[in-house]
Amino acid sequence: MNAKDLAIAKRNAKKIGVEVKPSTRKNKKLDVFRKGVKLASIGDTRYNHYHSYIRTKGKEFADKRRRLYKIRHNKTRGKKDSPSYFSDKILWD
């Protein structure tokens, strides 16, 4: 994850009351913390996310990918404080 995407992720994380740092887990993008306690590791480094799609393919393509992501993860992304919830709010908003 590049510095610009990390800054966007940190801004999105702040909106929901958590902090993010680059992940220590293999193949994960970010670790999510609240009050210093690790809650989840999110984002697979082998796949893109909304802001990387905007940067590489353009906003129209990124919006289409975001819509499909949200459809695909509809059942799990609504469960507050789950990895899917954090990924949705931090990487795809």
N, C-alpha and C. Protein backbone atom coordinates (compact mmCIF):
# COMPACT_ATOMS: atom_id res chain seq x y z
N MET A 1 0.87 -1.18 0.00
CA MET A 1 0.00 0.00 0.00
C MET A 1 0.90 1.23 0.00
N ASN A 2 0.67 2.13 -0.95
CA ASN A 2 1.53 3.30 -1.02
C ASN A 2 1.14 4.35 0.02
N ALA A 3 1.97 5.37 0.16
CA ALA A 3 1.79 6.38 1.21
C ALA A 3 0.48 7.15 1.07
N LYS A 4 0.09 7.46 -0.16
CA LYS A 4 -1.16 8.20 -0.38
C LYS A 4 -2.37 7.37 0.04
N ASP A 5 -2.38 6.10 -0.34
CA ASP A 5 -3.48 5.22 0.05
C ASP A 5 -3.51 5.01 1.56
N LEU A 6 -2.33 4.92 2.18
CA LEU A 6 -2.27 4.77 3.64
C LEU A 6 -2.84 6.00 4.33
N ALA A 7 -2.55 7.19 3.80
CA ALA A 7 -3.09 8.42 4.38
C ALA A 7 -4.62 8.44 4.27
N ILE A 8 -5.16 8.00 3.14
CA ILE A 8 -6.61 7.93 2.96
C ILE A 8 -7.21 6.91 3.93
N ALA A 9 -6.55 5.77 4.07
CA ALA A 9 -7.03 4.73 4.99
C ALA A 9 -7.03 5.25 6.43
N LYS A 10 -6.00 5.98 6.81
CA LYS A 10 -5.94 6.54 8.17
C LYS A 10 -7.08 7.54 8.39
N ARG A 11 -7.37 8.35 7.38
CA ARG A 11 -8.48 9.31 7.49
C ARG A 11 -9.81 8.58 7.64
N ASN A 12 -10.03 7.54 6.84
CA ASN A 12 -11.26 6.77 6.93
C ASN A 12 -11.37 6.04 8.27
N ALA A 13 -10.26 5.54 8.77
CA ALA A 13 -10.25 4.84 10.06
C ALA A 13 -10.61 5.80 11.19
N LYS A 14 -10.10 7.00 11.12
CA LYS A 14 -10.38 8.00 12.16
C LYS A 14 -11.88 8.29 12.25
N LYS A 15 -12.56 8.27 11.10
CA LYS A 15 -14.00 8.53 11.07
C LYS A 15 -14.79 7.51 11.88
N ILE A 16 -14.29 6.27 11.96
CA ILE A 16 -15.01 5.22 12.70
C ILE A 16 -14.35 4.91 14.05
N GLY A 17 -13.40 5.74 14.46
CA GLY A 17 -12.84 5.63 15.79
C GLY A 17 -11.77 4.56 15.98
N VAL A 18 -11.05 4.25 14.91
CA VAL A 18 -9.96 3.28 15.01
C VAL A 18 -8.70 3.87 14.39
N GLU A 19 -7.61 3.15 14.56
CA GLU A 19 -6.32 3.55 13.99
C GLU A 19 -5.82 2.40 13.13
N VAL A 20 -5.11 2.71 12.05
CA VAL A 20 -4.55 1.65 11.21
C VAL A 20 -3.05 1.83 11.06
N LYS A 21 -2.38 0.70 10.91
CA LYS A 21 -0.94 0.67 10.65
C LYS A 21 -0.69 -0.42 9.62
N PRO A 22 0.41 -0.32 8.88
CA PRO A 22 0.73 -1.41 7.95
C PRO A 22 0.76 -2.75 8.69
N SER A 23 0.22 -3.76 8.07
CA SER A 23 0.06 -5.05 8.74
C SER A 23 1.38 -5.79 8.93
N THR A 24 1.43 -6.54 10.01
CA THR A 24 2.57 -7.42 10.28
C THR A 24 2.29 -8.82 9.77
N ARG A 25 1.06 -9.08 9.35
CA ARG A 25 0.69 -10.40 8.82
C ARG A 25 0.99 -10.50 7.33
N LYS A 26 1.44 -11.66 6.93
CA LYS A 26 1.72 -11.91 5.52
C LYS A 26 0.44 -11.75 4.70
N ASN A 27 0.56 -11.09 3.57
CA ASN A 27 -0.54 -10.89 2.61
C ASN A 27 -1.68 -10.02 3.13
N LYS A 28 -1.49 -9.27 4.20
CA LYS A 28 -2.50 -8.34 4.68
C LYS A 28 -1.98 -6.91 4.53
N LYS A 29 -2.88 -5.97 4.25
CA LYS A 29 -2.49 -4.58 4.05
C LYS A 29 -2.39 -3.80 5.34
N LEU A 30 -3.41 -3.92 6.20
CA LEU A 30 -3.50 -3.07 7.38
C LEU A 30 -3.89 -3.86 8.62
N ASP A 31 -3.40 -3.40 9.76
CA ASP A 31 -3.88 -3.87 11.05
C ASP A 31 -4.71 -2.75 11.64
N VAL A 32 -5.85 -3.09 12.23
CA VAL A 32 -6.79 -2.12 12.79
C VAL A 32 -6.70 -2.19 14.32
N PHE A 33 -6.57 -1.02 14.96
CA PHE A 33 -6.44 -0.93 16.41
C PHE A 33 -7.47 0.04 16.99
N ARG A 34 -7.92 -0.27 18.19
CA ARG A 34 -8.72 0.67 18.98
C ARG A 34 -8.10 0.70 20.38
N LYS A 35 -7.68 1.88 20.79
CA LYS A 35 -7.03 2.08 22.09
C LYS A 35 -5.85 1.13 22.28
N GLY A 36 -5.09 0.93 21.21
CA GLY A 36 -3.90 0.10 21.27
C GLY A 36 -4.12 -1.39 21.18
N VAL A 37 -5.38 -1.81 21.11
CA VAL A 37 -5.71 -3.24 21.02
C VAL A 37 -6.00 -3.59 19.55
N LYS A 38 -5.30 -4.59 19.05
CA LYS A 38 -5.50 -5.00 17.66
C LYS A 38 -6.85 -5.70 17.51
N LEU A 39 -7.64 -5.22 16.58
CA LEU A 39 -8.97 -5.78 16.33
C LEU A 39 -9.01 -6.70 15.12
N ALA A 40 -8.23 -6.36 14.08
CA ALA A 40 -8.31 -7.15 12.85
C ALA A 40 -7.15 -6.81 11.93
N SER A 41 -6.88 -7.71 11.01
CA SER A 41 -6.00 -7.46 9.87
C SER A 41 -6.89 -7.47 8.65
N ILE A 42 -6.77 -6.45 7.81
CA ILE A 42 -7.68 -6.32 6.67
C ILE A 42 -6.94 -6.12 5.36
N GLY A 43 -7.62 -6.42 4.28
CA GLY A 43 -7.10 -6.18 2.94
C GLY A 43 -6.03 -7.16 2.54
N ASP A 44 -6.21 -7.78 1.42
CA ASP A 44 -5.22 -8.72 0.90
C ASP A 44 -4.29 -7.97 -0.04
N THR A 45 -3.00 -8.09 0.17
CA THR A 45 -2.02 -7.37 -0.66
C THR A 45 -2.04 -7.84 -2.11
N ARG A 46 -2.61 -8.99 -2.35
CA ARG A 46 -2.66 -9.51 -3.72
C ARG A 46 -3.82 -8.93 -4.53
N TYR A 47 -4.67 -8.12 -3.88
CA TYR A 47 -5.82 -7.52 -4.55
C TYR A 47 -5.80 -6.01 -4.36
N ASN A 48 -6.47 -5.31 -5.26
CA ASN A 48 -6.58 -3.86 -5.16
C ASN A 48 -7.73 -3.48 -4.24
N HIS A 49 -7.83 -2.18 -3.97
CA HIS A 49 -8.93 -1.63 -3.19
C HIS A 49 -9.39 -0.36 -3.93
N TYR A 50 -10.41 0.29 -3.42
CA TYR A 50 -11.05 1.39 -4.13
C TYR A 50 -10.07 2.48 -4.59
N HIS A 51 -9.24 2.96 -3.70
CA HIS A 51 -8.35 4.08 -4.05
C HIS A 51 -7.22 3.66 -4.99
N SER A 52 -6.79 2.42 -4.91
CA SER A 52 -5.78 1.96 -5.87
C SER A 52 -6.41 1.83 -7.26
N TYR A 53 -7.68 1.41 -7.32
CA TYR A 53 -8.37 1.36 -8.61
C TYR A 53 -8.54 2.76 -9.19
N ILE A 54 -8.88 3.74 -8.36
CA ILE A 54 -9.01 5.12 -8.86
C ILE A 54 -7.69 5.57 -9.48
N ARG A 55 -6.60 5.31 -8.78
CA ARG A 55 -5.28 5.75 -9.22
C ARG A 55 -4.85 5.04 -10.52
N THR A 56 -5.14 3.76 -10.65
CA THR A 56 -4.63 3.01 -11.80
C THR A 56 -5.60 2.88 -12.97
N LYS A 57 -6.91 2.82 -12.68
CA LYS A 57 -7.88 2.54 -13.74
C LYS A 57 -8.91 3.65 -13.95
N GLY A 58 -8.98 4.61 -13.03
CA GLY A 58 -9.94 5.70 -13.15
C GLY A 58 -11.15 5.52 -12.25
N LYS A 59 -11.85 6.62 -11.99
CA LYS A 59 -12.96 6.63 -11.04
C LYS A 59 -14.14 5.77 -11.51
N GLU A 60 -14.45 5.80 -12.79
CA GLU A 60 -15.59 5.02 -13.28
C GLU A 60 -15.37 3.52 -13.03
N PHE A 61 -14.19 3.03 -13.35
CA PHE A 61 -13.87 1.62 -13.12
C PHE A 61 -13.88 1.32 -11.61
N ALA A 62 -13.30 2.22 -10.82
CA ALA A 62 -13.24 2.03 -9.36
C ALA A 62 -14.64 1.96 -8.76
N ASP A 63 -15.54 2.82 -9.22
CA ASP A 63 -16.92 2.80 -8.72
C ASP A 63 -17.61 1.48 -9.04
N LYS A 64 -17.35 0.95 -10.23
CA LYS A 64 -17.93 -0.34 -10.60
C LYS A 64 -17.39 -1.46 -9.70
N ARG A 65 -16.09 -1.46 -9.45
CA ARG A 65 -15.48 -2.47 -8.59
C ARG A 65 -16.00 -2.35 -7.15
N ARG A 66 -16.19 -1.11 -6.69
CA ARG A 66 -16.71 -0.91 -5.33
C ARG A 66 -18.13 -1.45 -5.22
N ARG A 67 -18.96 -1.17 -6.22
CA ARG A 67 -20.33 -1.69 -6.20
C ARG A 67 -20.33 -3.21 -6.14
N LEU A 68 -19.49 -3.84 -6.93
CA LEU A 68 -19.42 -5.30 -6.94
C LEU A 68 -18.87 -5.84 -5.61
N TYR A 69 -17.89 -5.15 -5.04
CA TYR A 69 -17.35 -5.56 -3.73
C TYR A 69 -18.46 -5.53 -2.67
N LYS A 70 -19.22 -4.44 -2.66
CA LYS A 70 -20.26 -4.29 -1.65
C LYS A 70 -21.37 -5.33 -1.82
N ILE A 71 -21.69 -5.69 -3.05
CA ILE A 71 -22.67 -6.76 -3.29
C ILE A 71 -22.12 -8.09 -2.79
N ARG A 72 -20.87 -8.37 -3.12
CA ARG A 72 -20.25 -9.64 -2.77
C ARG A 72 -20.10 -9.84 -1.27
N HIS A 73 -19.88 -8.75 -0.54
CA HIS A 73 -19.67 -8.82 0.91
C HIS A 73 -20.84 -8.28 1.71
N ASN A 74 -22.00 -8.23 1.11
CA ASN A 74 -23.17 -7.63 1.75
C ASN A 74 -23.53 -8.24 3.10
N LYS A 75 -23.44 -9.55 3.22
CA LYS A 75 -23.85 -10.22 4.47
C LYS A 75 -22.87 -9.99 5.62
N THR A 76 -21.59 -9.85 5.33
CA THR A 76 -20.60 -9.77 6.40
C THR A 76 -20.16 -8.35 6.74
N ARG A 77 -20.27 -7.43 5.80
CA ARG A 77 -19.73 -6.08 6.06
C ARG A 77 -20.58 -5.25 7.01
N GLY A 78 -21.79 -5.69 7.31
CA GLY A 78 -22.65 -4.96 8.22
C GLY A 78 -22.42 -5.28 9.69
N LYS A 79 -21.68 -6.35 9.98
CA LYS A 79 -21.42 -6.75 11.36
C LYS A 79 -20.32 -5.87 11.94
N LYS A 80 -20.70 -4.96 12.82
CA LYS A 80 -19.77 -3.98 13.37
C LYS A 80 -18.57 -4.64 14.02
N ASP A 81 -17.40 -4.06 13.79
CA ASP A 81 -16.11 -4.49 14.32
C ASP A 81 -15.61 -5.82 13.77
N SER A 82 -16.20 -6.29 12.68
CA SER A 82 -15.68 -7.49 12.02
C SER A 82 -14.62 -7.04 11.00
N PRO A 83 -13.72 -7.93 10.60
CA PRO A 83 -12.74 -7.55 9.57
C PRO A 83 -13.42 -7.04 8.29
N SER A 84 -14.53 -7.64 7.92
CA SER A 84 -15.24 -7.22 6.73
C SER A 84 -15.79 -5.79 6.89
N TYR A 85 -16.28 -5.47 8.07
CA TYR A 85 -16.78 -4.12 8.36
C TYR A 85 -15.65 -3.10 8.21
N PHE A 86 -14.50 -3.40 8.81
CA PHE A 86 -13.37 -2.46 8.73
C PHE A 86 -12.88 -2.32 7.31
N SER A 87 -12.81 -3.41 6.58
CA SER A 87 -12.37 -3.34 5.19
C SER A 87 -13.31 -2.48 4.37
N ASP A 88 -14.60 -2.66 4.57
CA ASP A 88 -15.60 -1.86 3.85
C ASP A 88 -15.45 -0.39 4.16
N LYS A 89 -15.34 -0.03 5.42
CA LYS A 89 -15.29 1.37 5.83
C LYS A 89 -13.94 2.04 5.55
N ILE A 90 -12.86 1.27 5.59
CA ILE A 90 -11.53 1.86 5.46
C ILE A 90 -11.00 1.77 4.03
N LEU A 91 -11.16 0.64 3.39
CA LEU A 91 -10.57 0.44 2.05
C LEU A 91 -11.53 0.71 0.90
N TRP A 92 -12.84 0.66 1.16
CA TRP A 92 -13.79 0.78 0.05
C TRP A 92 -14.69 2.00 0.13
N ASP A 93 -14.50 2.90 1.09
CA ASP A 93 -15.28 4.15 1.14
C ASP A 93 -14.45 5.32 0.72
